[in-house]
């Protein structure tokens, strides 16, 4: 992978990280502002269910945030784009599609085959 490709992926990851962190902050503020403002128990139940769904989504996003941070750290230490299983270079095309991946497509396919 050349430096231009690496810079492109770094910018892509940084932008995604910024967006996720901003959304997380908005969720926290939204939960605080609505808490206790329901006179109807059904409205409250509906709101609680929606908030539960939103928090599950944010939980998944927090895991993605950790993966993005790990990918950025790997970029800094020079190990980004190397498959953690076979130590071969991960193709730019794969990294462009999934910049947080730590496995080349061949190893990922083998892993998914074993999971079935």
PDB file of N, CA and C in Angstrom:
ATOM      1  N   UNK A   1       0.857  -1.167   0.000  1.00  0.00           N
ATOM      2  CA  UNK A   1       0.000   0.000   0.000  1.00  0.00           C
ATOM      3  C   UNK A   1       0.909   1.238   0.000  1.00  0.00           C
ATOM      4  N   UNK A   2       0.546   2.187  -0.844  1.00  0.00           N
ATOM      5  CA  UNK A   2       1.365   3.391  -0.892  1.00  0.00           C
ATOM      6  C   UNK A   2       0.860   4.447   0.098  1.00  0.00           C
ATOM      7  N   UNK A   3       1.612   5.521   0.240  1.00  0.00           N
ATOM      8  CA  UNK A   3       1.298   6.550   1.239  1.00  0.00           C
ATOM      9  C   UNK A   3      -0.029   7.249   0.942  1.00  0.00           C
ATOM     10  N   UNK A   4      -0.345   7.479  -0.341  1.00  0.00           N
ATOM     11  CA  UNK A   4      -1.624   8.112  -0.691  1.00  0.00           C
ATOM     12  C   UNK A   4      -2.801   7.252  -0.267  1.00  0.00           C
ATOM     13  N   UNK A   5      -2.703   5.950  -0.477  1.00  0.00           N
ATOM     14  CA  UNK A   5      -3.771   5.033  -0.064  1.00  0.00           C
ATOM     15  C   UNK A   5      -3.906   5.024   1.460  1.00  0.00           C
ATOM     16  N   UNK A   6      -2.782   4.994   2.141  1.00  0.00           N
ATOM     17  CA  UNK A   6      -2.795   5.015   3.602  1.00  0.00           C
ATOM     18  C   UNK A   6      -3.407   6.310   4.127  1.00  0.00           C
ATOM     19  N   UNK A   7      -3.047   7.432   3.541  1.00  0.00           N
ATOM     20  CA  UNK A   7      -3.621   8.726   3.947  1.00  0.00           C
ATOM     21  C   UNK A   7      -5.125   8.758   3.706  1.00  0.00           C
ATOM     22  N   UNK A   8      -5.557   8.211   2.574  1.00  0.00           N
ATOM     23  CA  UNK A   8      -6.984   8.150   2.253  1.00  0.00           C
ATOM     24  C   UNK A   8      -7.743   7.345   3.310  1.00  0.00           C
ATOM     25  N   UNK A   9      -7.217   6.176   3.661  1.00  0.00           N
ATOM     26  CA  UNK A   9      -7.878   5.321   4.646  1.00  0.00           C
ATOM     27  C   UNK A   9      -7.863   5.957   6.034  1.00  0.00           C
ATOM     28  N   UNK A  10      -6.778   6.638   6.362  1.00  0.00           N
ATOM     29  CA  UNK A  10      -6.691   7.312   7.656  1.00  0.00           C
ATOM     30  C   UNK A  10      -7.751   8.413   7.749  1.00  0.00           C
ATOM     31  N   UNK A  11      -7.907   9.175   6.695  1.00  0.00           N
ATOM     32  CA  UNK A  11      -8.926  10.226   6.681  1.00  0.00           C
ATOM     33  C   UNK A  11     -10.336   9.628   6.776  1.00  0.00           C
ATOM     34  N   UNK A  12     -10.547   8.546   6.073  1.00  0.00           N
ATOM     35  CA  UNK A  12     -11.847   7.862   6.107  1.00  0.00           C
ATOM     36  C   UNK A  12     -12.163   7.378   7.527  1.00  0.00           C
ATOM     37  N   UNK A  13     -11.191   6.761   8.178  1.00  0.00           N
ATOM     38  CA  UNK A  13     -11.384   6.277   9.545  1.00  0.00           C
ATOM     39  C   UNK A  13     -11.586   7.425  10.530  1.00  0.00           C
ATOM     40  N   UNK A  14     -10.819   8.474  10.381  1.00  0.00           N
ATOM     41  CA  UNK A  14     -10.928   9.629  11.279  1.00  0.00           C
ATOM     42  C   UNK A  14     -12.298  10.291  11.151  1.00  0.00           C
ATOM     43  N   UNK A  15     -12.771  10.450   9.921  1.00  0.00           N
ATOM     44  CA  UNK A  15     -14.099  11.034   9.702  1.00  0.00           C
ATOM     45  C   UNK A  15     -15.191  10.162  10.313  1.00  0.00           C
ATOM     46  N   UNK A  16     -15.065   8.860  10.128  1.00  0.00           N
ATOM     47  CA  UNK A  16     -16.061   7.937  10.687  1.00  0.00           C
ATOM     48  C   UNK A  16     -16.035   7.992  12.215  1.00  0.00           C
ATOM     49  N   UNK A  17     -14.859   8.033  12.789  1.00  0.00           N
ATOM     50  CA  UNK A  17     -14.724   8.114  14.243  1.00  0.00           C
ATOM     51  C   UNK A  17     -15.364   9.396  14.775  1.00  0.00           C
ATOM     52  N   UNK A  18     -15.073  10.514  14.140  1.00  0.00           N
ATOM     53  CA  UNK A  18     -15.662  11.785  14.562  1.00  0.00           C
ATOM     54  C   UNK A  18     -17.193  11.733  14.522  1.00  0.00           C
ATOM     55  N   UNK A  19     -17.743  11.170  13.460  1.00  0.00           N
ATOM     56  CA  UNK A  19     -19.191  11.059  13.333  1.00  0.00           C
ATOM     57  C   UNK A  19     -19.803  10.186  14.413  1.00  0.00           C
ATOM     58  N   UNK A  20     -19.173   9.066  14.699  1.00  0.00           N
ATOM     59  CA  UNK A  20     -19.684   8.166  15.735  1.00  0.00           C
ATOM     60  C   UNK A  20     -19.632   8.807  17.113  1.00  0.00           C
ATOM     61  N   UNK A  21     -18.556   9.494  17.401  1.00  0.00           N
ATOM     62  CA  UNK A  21     -18.437  10.154  18.706  1.00  0.00           C
ATOM     63  C   UNK A  21     -19.468  11.271  18.853  1.00  0.00           C
ATOM     64  N   UNK A  22     -19.725  12.000  17.781  1.00  0.00           N
ATOM     65  CA  UNK A  22     -20.725  13.065  17.815  1.00  0.00           C
ATOM     66  C   UNK A  22     -22.129  12.491  18.047  1.00  0.00           C
ATOM     67  N   UNK A  23     -22.447  11.393  17.353  1.00  0.00           N
ATOM     68  CA  UNK A  23     -23.751  10.743  17.530  1.00  0.00           C
ATOM     69  C   UNK A  23     -23.925  10.235  18.952  1.00  0.00           C
ATOM     70  N   UNK A  24     -22.878   9.690  19.517  1.00  0.00           N
ATOM     71  CA  UNK A  24     -22.949   9.201  20.889  1.00  0.00           C
ATOM     72  C   UNK A  24     -23.271  10.309  21.864  1.00  0.00           C
ATOM     73  N   UNK A  25     -22.662  11.453  21.686  1.00  0.00           N
ATOM     74  CA  UNK A  25     -22.932  12.600  22.543  1.00  0.00           C
ATOM     75  C   UNK A  25     -24.358  13.088  22.396  1.00  0.00           C
ATOM     76  N   UNK A  26     -24.870  13.078  21.177  1.00  0.00           N
ATOM     77  CA  UNK A  26     -26.254  13.496  20.937  1.00  0.00           C
ATOM     78  C   UNK A  26     -27.234  12.541  21.615  1.00  0.00           C
ATOM     79  N   UNK A  27     -26.924  11.257  21.616  1.00  0.00           N
ATOM     80  CA  UNK A  27     -27.793  10.277  22.257  1.00  0.00           C
ATOM     81  C   UNK A  27     -27.876  10.528  23.755  1.00  0.00           C
ATOM     82  N   UNK A  28     -26.738  10.759  24.378  1.00  0.00           N
ATOM     83  CA  UNK A  28     -26.714  11.021  25.820  1.00  0.00           C
ATOM     84  C   UNK A  28     -27.526  12.264  26.148  1.00  0.00           C
ATOM     85  N   UNK A  29     -27.336  13.318  25.387  1.00  0.00           N
ATOM     86  CA  UNK A  29     -28.096  14.550  25.618  1.00  0.00           C
ATOM     87  C   UNK A  29     -29.586  14.343  25.400  1.00  0.00           C
ATOM     88  N   UNK A  30     -29.965  13.553  24.403  1.00  0.00           N
ATOM     89  CA  UNK A  30     -31.367  13.275  24.129  1.00  0.00           C
ATOM     90  C   UNK A  30     -32.028  12.494  25.246  1.00  0.00           C
ATOM     91  N   UNK A  31     -31.323  11.539  25.812  1.00  0.00           N
ATOM     92  CA  UNK A  31     -31.861  10.745  26.921  1.00  0.00           C
ATOM     93  C   UNK A  31     -32.092  11.641  28.129  1.00  0.00           C
ATOM     94  N   UNK A  32     -31.160  12.496  28.414  1.00  0.00           N
ATOM     95  CA  UNK A  32     -31.284  13.387  29.576  1.00  0.00           C
ATOM     96  C   UNK A  32     -32.427  14.384  29.412  1.00  0.00           C
ATOM     97  N   UNK A  33     -32.625  14.904  28.211  1.00  0.00           N
ATOM     98  CA  UNK A  33     -33.628  15.951  28.011  1.00  0.00           C
ATOM     99  C   UNK A  33     -35.055  15.414  28.047  1.00  0.00           C
ATOM    100  N   UNK A  34     -35.273  14.153  27.720  1.00  0.00           N
ATOM    101  CA  UNK A  34     -36.622  13.590  27.672  1.00  0.00           C
ATOM    102  C   UNK A  34     -37.029  12.871  28.953  1.00  0.00           C
ATOM    103  N   UNK A  35     -36.098  12.552  29.788  1.00  0.00           N
ATOM    104  CA  UNK A  35     -36.372  11.745  30.973  1.00  0.00           C
ATOM    105  C   UNK A  35     -37.409  12.410  31.883  1.00  0.00           C
ATOM    106  N   UNK A  36     -38.483  11.690  32.183  1.00  0.00           N
ATOM    107  CA  UNK A  36     -39.485  12.152  33.136  1.00  0.00           C
ATOM    108  C   UNK A  36     -40.527  13.091  32.566  1.00  0.00           C
ATOM    109  N   UNK A  37     -40.633  13.236  31.270  1.00  0.00           N
ATOM    110  CA  UNK A  37     -41.571  14.181  30.679  1.00  0.00           C
ATOM    111  C   UNK A  37     -42.798  13.493  30.068  1.00  0.00           C
ATOM    112  N   UNK A  38     -43.232  12.373  30.609  1.00  0.00           N
ATOM    113  CA  UNK A  38     -44.350  11.628  30.030  1.00  0.00           C
ATOM    114  C   UNK A  38     -45.463  11.478  31.054  1.00  0.00           C
ATOM    115  N   UNK A  39     -46.658  11.894  30.661  1.00  0.00           N
ATOM    116  CA  UNK A  39     -47.806  11.742  31.551  1.00  0.00           C
ATOM    117  C   UNK A  39     -48.530  10.423  31.289  1.00  0.00           C
ATOM    118  N   UNK A  40     -48.403   9.883  30.091  1.00  0.00           N
ATOM    119  CA  UNK A  40     -49.077   8.640  29.718  1.00  0.00           C
ATOM    120  C   UNK A  40     -48.085   7.476  29.811  1.00  0.00           C
ATOM    121  N   UNK A  41     -48.440   6.406  30.540  1.00  0.00           N
ATOM    122  CA  UNK A  41     -47.533   5.252  30.676  1.00  0.00           C
ATOM    123  C   UNK A  41     -47.203   4.589  29.328  1.00  0.00           C
ATOM    124  N   UNK A  42     -48.145   4.624  28.381  1.00  0.00           N
ATOM    125  CA  UNK A  42     -47.869   4.033  27.071  1.00  0.00           C
ATOM    126  C   UNK A  42     -46.837   4.850  26.298  1.00  0.00           C
ATOM    127  N   UNK A  43     -46.922   6.164  26.434  1.00  0.00           N
ATOM    128  CA  UNK A  43     -45.910   7.009  25.803  1.00  0.00           C
ATOM    129  C   UNK A  43     -44.537   6.720  26.394  1.00  0.00           C
ATOM    130  N   UNK A  44     -44.512   6.559  27.697  1.00  0.00           N
ATOM    131  CA  UNK A  44     -43.246   6.270  28.381  1.00  0.00           C
ATOM    132  C   UNK A  44     -42.688   4.916  27.937  1.00  0.00           C
ATOM    133  N   UNK A  45     -43.566   3.915  27.836  1.00  0.00           N
ATOM    134  CA  UNK A  45     -43.124   2.584  27.421  1.00  0.00           C
ATOM    135  C   UNK A  45     -42.587   2.611  25.993  1.00  0.00           C
ATOM    136  N   UNK A  46     -43.263   3.325  25.123  1.00  0.00           N
ATOM    137  CA  UNK A  46     -42.820   3.447  23.740  1.00  0.00           C
ATOM    138  C   UNK A  46     -41.465   4.142  23.673  1.00  0.00           C
ATOM    139  N   UNK A  47     -41.328   5.202  24.448  1.00  0.00           N
ATOM    140  CA  UNK A  47     -40.062   5.940  24.497  1.00  0.00           C
ATOM    141  C   UNK A  47     -38.943   5.045  25.040  1.00  0.00           C
ATOM    142  N   UNK A  48     -39.222   4.312  26.100  1.00  0.00           N
ATOM    143  CA  UNK A  48     -38.208   3.431  26.694  1.00  0.00           C
ATOM    144  C   UNK A  48     -37.756   2.368  25.699  1.00  0.00           C
ATOM    145  N   UNK A  49     -38.694   1.830  24.937  1.00  0.00           N
ATOM    146  CA  UNK A  49     -38.337   0.820  23.940  1.00  0.00           C
ATOM    147  C   UNK A  49     -37.452   1.432  22.851  1.00  0.00           C
ATOM    148  N   UNK A  50     -37.820   2.604  22.385  1.00  0.00           N
ATOM    149  CA  UNK A  50     -37.018   3.281  21.367  1.00  0.00           C
ATOM    150  C   UNK A  50     -35.617   3.593  21.902  1.00  0.00           C
ATOM    151  N   UNK A  51     -35.537   4.029  23.148  1.00  0.00           N
ATOM    152  CA  UNK A  51     -34.242   4.328  23.756  1.00  0.00           C
ATOM    153  C   UNK A  51     -33.413   3.057  23.909  1.00  0.00           C
ATOM    154  N   UNK A  52     -34.068   1.955  24.274  1.00  0.00           N
ATOM    155  CA  UNK A  52     -33.357   0.682  24.386  1.00  0.00           C
ATOM    156  C   UNK A  52     -32.749   0.268  23.058  1.00  0.00           C
ATOM    157  N   UNK A  53     -33.524   0.447  21.998  1.00  0.00           N
ATOM    158  CA  UNK A  53     -33.006   0.134  20.661  1.00  0.00           C
ATOM    159  C   UNK A  53     -31.834   1.044  20.300  1.00  0.00           C
ATOM    160  N   UNK A  54     -31.981   2.320  20.610  1.00  0.00           N
ATOM    161  CA  UNK A  54     -30.918   3.275  20.315  1.00  0.00           C
ATOM    162  C   UNK A  54     -29.650   2.935  21.106  1.00  0.00           C
ATOM    163  N   UNK A  55     -29.804   2.546  22.349  1.00  0.00           N
ATOM    164  CA  UNK A  55     -28.639   2.197  23.160  1.00  0.00           C
ATOM    165  C   UNK A  55     -27.957   0.925  22.655  1.00  0.00           C
ATOM    166  N   UNK A  56     -28.720  -0.024  22.140  1.00  0.00           N
ATOM    167  CA  UNK A  56     -28.120  -1.224  21.546  1.00  0.00           C
ATOM    168  C   UNK A  56     -27.312  -0.858  20.301  1.00  0.00           C
ATOM    169  N   UNK A  57     -27.859   0.068  19.510  1.00  0.00           N
ATOM    170  CA  UNK A  57     -27.129   0.535  18.332  1.00  0.00           C
ATOM    171  C   UNK A  57     -25.845   1.231  18.760  1.00  0.00           C
ATOM    172  N   UNK A  58     -25.927   2.058  19.777  1.00  0.00           N
ATOM    173  CA  UNK A  58     -24.743   2.776  20.259  1.00  0.00           C
ATOM    174  C   UNK A  58     -23.707   1.803  20.833  1.00  0.00           C
ATOM    175  N   UNK A  59     -24.169   0.711  21.423  1.00  0.00           N
ATOM    176  CA  UNK A  59     -23.241  -0.302  21.927  1.00  0.00           C
ATOM    177  C   UNK A  59     -22.448  -0.911  20.770  1.00  0.00           C
ATOM    178  N   UNK A  60     -23.143  -1.215  19.690  1.00  0.00           N
ATOM    179  CA  UNK A  60     -22.455  -1.743  18.504  1.00  0.00           C
ATOM    180  C   UNK A  60     -21.481  -0.713  17.959  1.00  0.00           C
ATOM    181  N   UNK A  61     -21.911   0.543  17.966  1.00  0.00           N
ATOM    182  CA  UNK A  61     -21.043   1.611  17.480  1.00  0.00           C
ATOM    183  C   UNK A  61     -19.820   1.788  18.369  1.00  0.00           C
ATOM    184  N   UNK A  62     -19.979   1.559  19.674  1.00  0.00           N
ATOM    185  CA  UNK A  62     -18.822   1.692  20.573  1.00  0.00           C
ATOM    186  C   UNK A  62     -17.779   0.617  20.262  1.00  0.00           C
ATOM    187  N   UNK A  63     -18.230  -0.560  19.873  1.00  0.00           N
ATOM    188  CA  UNK A  63     -17.281  -1.598  19.463  1.00  0.00           C
ATOM    189  C   UNK A  63     -16.569  -1.190  18.176  1.00  0.00           C
ATOM    190  N   UNK A  64     -17.323  -0.558  17.272  1.00  0.00           N
ATOM    191  CA  UNK A  64     -16.716  -0.073  16.032  1.00  0.00           C
ATOM    192  C   UNK A  64     -15.709   1.041  16.338  1.00  0.00           C
ATOM    193  N   UNK A  65     -16.025   1.902  17.276  1.00  0.00           N
ATOM    194  CA  UNK A  65     -15.095   2.958  17.681  1.00  0.00           C
ATOM    195  C   UNK A  65     -13.775   2.345  18.150  1.00  0.00           C
ATOM    196  N   UNK A  66     -13.858   1.292  18.936  1.00  0.00           N
ATOM    197  CA  UNK A  66     -12.633   0.623  19.404  1.00  0.00           C
ATOM    198  C   UNK A  66     -11.835   0.053  18.233  1.00  0.00           C
ATOM    199  N   UNK A  67     -12.539  -0.528  17.249  1.00  0.00           N
ATOM    200  CA  UNK A  67     -11.851  -1.074  16.076  1.00  0.00           C
ATOM    201  C   UNK A  67     -11.182   0.038  15.271  1.00  0.00           C
ATOM    202  N   UNK A  68     -11.866   1.166  15.143  1.00  0.00           N
ATOM    203  CA  UNK A  68     -11.287   2.293  14.411  1.00  0.00           C
ATOM    204  C   UNK A  68     -10.044   2.799  15.132  1.00  0.00           C
ATOM    205  N   UNK A  69     -10.134   2.940  16.446  1.00  0.00           N
ATOM    206  CA  UNK A  69      -8.969   3.398  17.217  1.00  0.00           C
ATOM    207  C   UNK A  69      -7.799   2.428  17.086  1.00  0.00           C
ATOM    208  N   UNK A  70      -8.099   1.140  17.094  1.00  0.00           N
ATOM    209  CA  UNK A  70      -7.041   0.138  16.915  1.00  0.00           C
ATOM    210  C   UNK A  70      -6.415   0.246  15.531  1.00  0.00           C
ATOM    211  N   UNK A  71      -7.255   0.455  14.503  1.00  0.00           N
ATOM    212  CA  UNK A  71      -6.733   0.594  13.136  1.00  0.00           C
ATOM    213  C   UNK A  71      -5.839   1.826  13.030  1.00  0.00           C
ATOM    214  N   UNK A  72      -6.269   2.929  13.630  1.00  0.00           N
ATOM    215  CA  UNK A  72      -5.447   4.147  13.604  1.00  0.00           C
ATOM    216  C   UNK A  72      -4.124   3.941  14.347  1.00  0.00           C
ATOM    217  N   UNK A  73      -4.170   3.202  15.447  1.00  0.00           N
ATOM    218  CA  UNK A  73      -2.935   2.903  16.189  1.00  0.00           C
ATOM    219  C   UNK A  73      -2.007   2.027  15.347  1.00  0.00           C
ATOM    220  N   UNK A  74      -2.568   1.083  14.626  1.00  0.00           N
ATOM    221  CA  UNK A  74      -1.764   0.223  13.750  1.00  0.00           C
ATOM    222  C   UNK A  74      -1.132   1.037  12.624  1.00  0.00           C
ATOM    223  N   UNK A  75      -1.861   2.046  12.148  1.00  0.00           N
ATOM    224  CA  UNK A  75      -1.278   2.929  11.131  1.00  0.00           C
ATOM    225  C   UNK A  75      -0.051   3.640  11.685  1.00  0.00           C
ATOM    226  N   UNK A  76      -0.141   4.042  12.935  1.00  0.00           N
ATOM    227  CA  UNK A  76       0.976   4.756  13.563  1.00  0.00           C
ATOM    228  C   UNK A  76       2.188   3.852  13.781  1.00  0.00           C
ATOM    229  N   UNK A  77       1.928   2.587  14.137  1.00  0.00           N
ATOM    230  CA  UNK A  77       3.077   1.708  14.403  1.00  0.00           C
ATOM    231  C   UNK A  77       3.516   0.876  13.194  1.00  0.00           C
ATOM    232  N   UNK A  78       2.848   1.087  12.045  1.00  0.00           N
ATOM    233  CA  UNK A  78       3.286   0.437  10.817  1.00  0.00           C
ATOM    234  C   UNK A  78       2.774  -0.971  10.593  1.00  0.00           C
ATOM    235  N   UNK A  79       1.814  -1.414  11.386  1.00  0.00           N
ATOM    236  CA  UNK A  79       1.297  -2.773  11.220  1.00  0.00           C
ATOM    237  C   UNK A  79      -0.069  -2.813  10.530  1.00  0.00           C
ATOM    238  N   UNK A  80      -0.574  -1.657  10.130  1.00  0.00           N
ATOM    239  CA  UNK A  80      -1.882  -1.602   9.487  1.00  0.00           C
ATOM    240  C   UNK A  80      -1.823  -2.268   8.108  1.00  0.00           C
ATOM    241  N   UNK A  81      -2.857  -3.033   7.807  1.00  0.00           N
ATOM    242  CA  UNK A  81      -2.954  -3.664   6.495  1.00  0.00           C
ATOM    243  C   UNK A  81      -2.235  -4.996   6.395  1.00  0.00           C
ATOM    244  N   UNK A  82      -1.811  -5.539   7.526  1.00  0.00           N
ATOM    245  CA  UNK A  82      -1.161  -6.856   7.571  1.00  0.00           C
ATOM    246  C   UNK A  82      -2.125  -7.827   8.255  1.00  0.00           C
ATOM    247  N   UNK A  83      -2.402  -8.937   7.602  1.00  0.00           N
ATOM    248  CA  UNK A  83      -3.332  -9.927   8.146  1.00  0.00           C
ATOM    249  C   UNK A  83      -2.788 -10.491   9.458  1.00  0.00           C
ATOM    250  N   UNK A  84      -3.643 -10.516  10.463  1.00  0.00           N
ATOM    251  CA  UNK A  84      -3.210 -11.012  11.776  1.00  0.00           C
ATOM    252  C   UNK A  84      -3.058 -12.529  11.806  1.00  0.00           C
ATOM    253  N   UNK A  85      -3.563 -13.227  10.793  1.00  0.00           N
ATOM    254  CA  UNK A  85      -3.456 -14.683  10.770  1.00  0.00           C
ATOM    255  C   UNK A  85      -2.296 -15.186   9.913  1.00  0.00           C
ATOM    256  N   UNK A  86      -2.150 -14.635   8.703  1.00  0.00           N
ATOM    257  CA  UNK A  86      -1.121 -15.153   7.792  1.00  0.00           C
ATOM    258  C   UNK A  86       0.037 -14.186   7.561  1.00  0.00           C
ATOM    259  N   UNK A  87      -0.038 -12.981   8.136  1.00  0.00           N
ATOM    260  CA  UNK A  87       0.998 -11.957   8.005  1.00  0.00           C
ATOM    261  C   UNK A  87       1.213 -11.465   6.571  1.00  0.00           C
ATOM    262  N   UNK A  88       0.252 -11.704   5.697  1.00  0.00           N
ATOM    263  CA  UNK A  88       0.313 -11.187   4.330  1.00  0.00           C
ATOM    264  C   UNK A  88      -0.362  -9.822   4.282  1.00  0.00           C
ATOM    265  N   UNK A  89      -0.049  -9.043   3.263  1.00  0.00           N
ATOM    266  CA  UNK A  89      -0.653  -7.728   3.109  1.00  0.00           C
ATOM    267  C   UNK A  89      -2.123  -7.878   2.693  1.00  0.00           C
ATOM    268  N   UNK A  90      -2.983  -7.103   3.339  1.00  0.00           N
ATOM    269  CA  UNK A  90      -4.402  -7.057   2.989  1.00  0.00           C
ATOM    270  C   UNK A  90      -4.545  -6.106   1.813  1.00  0.00           C
ATOM    271  N   UNK A  91      -5.322  -6.509   0.822  1.00  0.00           N
ATOM    272  CA  UNK A  91      -5.453  -5.685  -0.381  1.00  0.00           C
ATOM    273  C   UNK A  91      -6.110  -4.340  -0.062  1.00  0.00           C
ATOM    274  N   UNK A  92      -5.709  -3.319  -0.815  1.00  0.00           N
ATOM    275  CA  UNK A  92      -6.288  -1.992  -0.633  1.00  0.00           C
ATOM    276  C   UNK A  92      -7.789  -2.031  -0.882  1.00  0.00           C
ATOM    277  N   UNK A  93      -8.212  -2.803  -1.855  1.00  0.00           N
ATOM    278  CA  UNK A  93      -9.642  -2.906  -2.178  1.00  0.00           C
ATOM    279  C   UNK A  93     -10.428  -3.396  -0.962  1.00  0.00           C
ATOM    280  N   UNK A  94      -9.896  -4.373  -0.257  1.00  0.00           N
ATOM    281  CA  UNK A  94     -10.567  -4.885   0.954  1.00  0.00           C
ATOM    282  C   UNK A  94     -10.543  -3.830   2.063  1.00  0.00           C
ATOM    283  N   UNK A  95      -9.415  -3.184   2.235  1.00  0.00           N
ATOM    284  CA  UNK A  95      -9.312  -2.153   3.269  1.00  0.00           C
ATOM    285  C   UNK A  95     -10.214  -0.963   2.964  1.00  0.00           C
ATOM    286  N   UNK A  96     -10.376  -0.655   1.705  1.00  0.00           N
ATOM    287  CA  UNK A  96     -11.261   0.443   1.328  1.00  0.00           C
ATOM    288  C   UNK A  96     -12.709   0.092   1.675  1.00  0.00           C
ATOM    289  N   UNK A  97     -13.088  -1.164   1.466  1.00  0.00           N
ATOM    290  CA  UNK A  97     -14.445  -1.610   1.785  1.00  0.00           C
ATOM    291  C   UNK A  97     -14.664  -1.745   3.284  1.00  0.00           C
ATOM    292  N   UNK A  98     -13.653  -2.205   3.997  1.00  0.00           N
ATOM    293  CA  UNK A  98     -13.744  -2.424   5.451  1.00  0.00           C
ATOM    294  C   UNK A  98     -12.422  -2.016   6.087  1.00  0.00           C
ATOM    295  N   UNK A  99     -12.241  -0.710   6.329  1.00  0.00           N
ATOM    296  CA  UNK A  99     -10.936  -0.225   6.797  1.00  0.00           C
ATOM    297  C   UNK A  99     -10.505  -0.734   8.168  1.00  0.00           C
ATOM    298  N   UNK A 100     -11.411  -1.301   8.949  1.00  0.00           N
ATOM    299  CA  UNK A 100     -11.035  -1.791  10.278  1.00  0.00           C
ATOM    300  C   UNK A 100     -10.669  -3.279  10.271  1.00  0.00           C
ATOM    301  N   UNK A 101     -10.707  -3.895   9.104  1.00  0.00           N
ATOM    302  CA  UNK A 101     -10.438  -5.327   9.052  1.00  0.00           C
ATOM    303  C   UNK A 101      -9.005  -5.639   9.476  1.00  0.00           C
ATOM    304  N   UNK A 102      -8.841  -6.795  10.064  1.00  0.00           N
ATOM    305  CA  UNK A 102      -7.506  -7.239  10.481  1.00  0.00           C
ATOM    306  C   UNK A 102      -7.121  -8.546   9.790  1.00  0.00           C
ATOM    307  N   UNK A 103      -7.977  -8.981   8.856  1.00  0.00           N
ATOM    308  CA  UNK A 103      -7.726 -10.246   8.159  1.00  0.00           C
ATOM    309  C   UNK A 103      -7.873 -10.057   6.657  1.00  0.00           C
ATOM    310  N   UNK A 104      -7.018 -10.750   5.902  1.00  0.00           N
ATOM    311  CA  UNK A 104      -7.146 -10.734   4.452  1.00  0.00           C
ATOM    312  C   UNK A 104      -8.397 -11.520   4.070  1.00  0.00           C
ATOM    313  N   UNK A 105      -8.815 -11.375   2.832  1.00  0.00           N
ATOM    314  CA  UNK A 105     -10.069 -12.001   2.406  1.00  0.00           C
ATOM    315  C   UNK A 105      -9.984 -13.529   2.465  1.00  0.00           C
ATOM    316  N   UNK A 106      -8.830 -14.094   2.156  1.00  0.00           N
ATOM    317  CA  UNK A 106      -8.695 -15.552   2.187  1.00  0.00           C
ATOM    318  C   UNK A 106      -8.849 -16.086   3.615  1.00  0.00           C
ATOM    319  N   UNK A 107      -8.188 -15.457   4.559  1.00  0.00           N
ATOM    320  CA  UNK A 107      -8.288 -15.908   5.956  1.00  0.00           C
ATOM    321  C   UNK A 107      -9.692 -15.690   6.500  1.00  0.00           C
ATOM    322  N   UNK A 108     -10.323 -14.582   6.137  1.00  0.00           N
ATOM    323  CA  UNK A 108     -11.685 -14.319   6.599  1.00  0.00           C
ATOM    324  C   UNK A 108     -12.649 -15.356   6.048  1.00  0.00           C
ATOM    325  N   UNK A 109     -12.488 -15.725   4.787  1.00  0.00           N
ATOM    326  CA  UNK A 109     -13.352 -16.766   4.195  1.00  0.00           C
ATOM    327  C   UNK A 109     -13.162 -18.099   4.910  1.00  0.00           C
ATOM    328  N   UNK A 110     -11.917 -18.453   5.203  1.00  0.00           N
ATOM    329  CA  UNK A 110     -11.655 -19.699   5.933  1.00  0.00           C
ATOM    330  C   UNK A 110     -12.310 -19.663   7.305  1.00  0.00           C
ATOM    331  N   UNK A 111     -12.187 -18.540   7.983  1.00  0.00           N
ATOM    332  CA  UNK A 111     -12.775 -18.370   9.306  1.00  0.00           C
ATOM    333  C   UNK A 111     -14.308 -18.510   9.265  1.00  0.00           C
ATOM    334  N   UNK A 112     -14.932 -17.880   8.276  1.00  0.00           N
ATOM    335  CA  UNK A 112     -16.394 -17.959   8.137  1.00  0.00           C
ATOM    336  C   UNK A 112     -16.834 -19.372   7.774  1.00  0.00           C
ATOM    337  N   UNK A 113     -16.045 -20.060   6.991  1.00  0.00           N
ATOM    338  CA  UNK A 113     -16.366 -21.440   6.612  1.00  0.00           C
ATOM    339  C   UNK A 113     -16.357 -22.344   7.840  1.00  0.00           C
ATOM    340  N   UNK A 114     -15.380 -22.138   8.721  1.00  0.00           N
ATOM    341  CA  UNK A 114     -15.286 -22.923   9.947  1.00  0.00           C
ATOM    342  C   UNK A 114     -16.442 -22.633  10.913  1.00  0.00           C
ATOM    343  N   UNK A 115     -16.946 -21.396  10.884  1.00  0.00           N
ATOM    344  CA  UNK A 115     -18.041 -21.014  11.768  1.00  0.00           C
ATOM    345  C   UNK A 115     -19.363 -21.671  11.391  1.00  0.00           C
ATOM    346  N   UNK A 116     -19.493 -22.050  10.146  1.00  0.00           N
ATOM    347  CA  UNK A 116     -20.743 -22.690   9.688  1.00  0.00           C
ATOM    348  C   UNK A 116     -20.810 -24.070  10.111  1.00  0.00           C
TER     349      UNK A 116
END
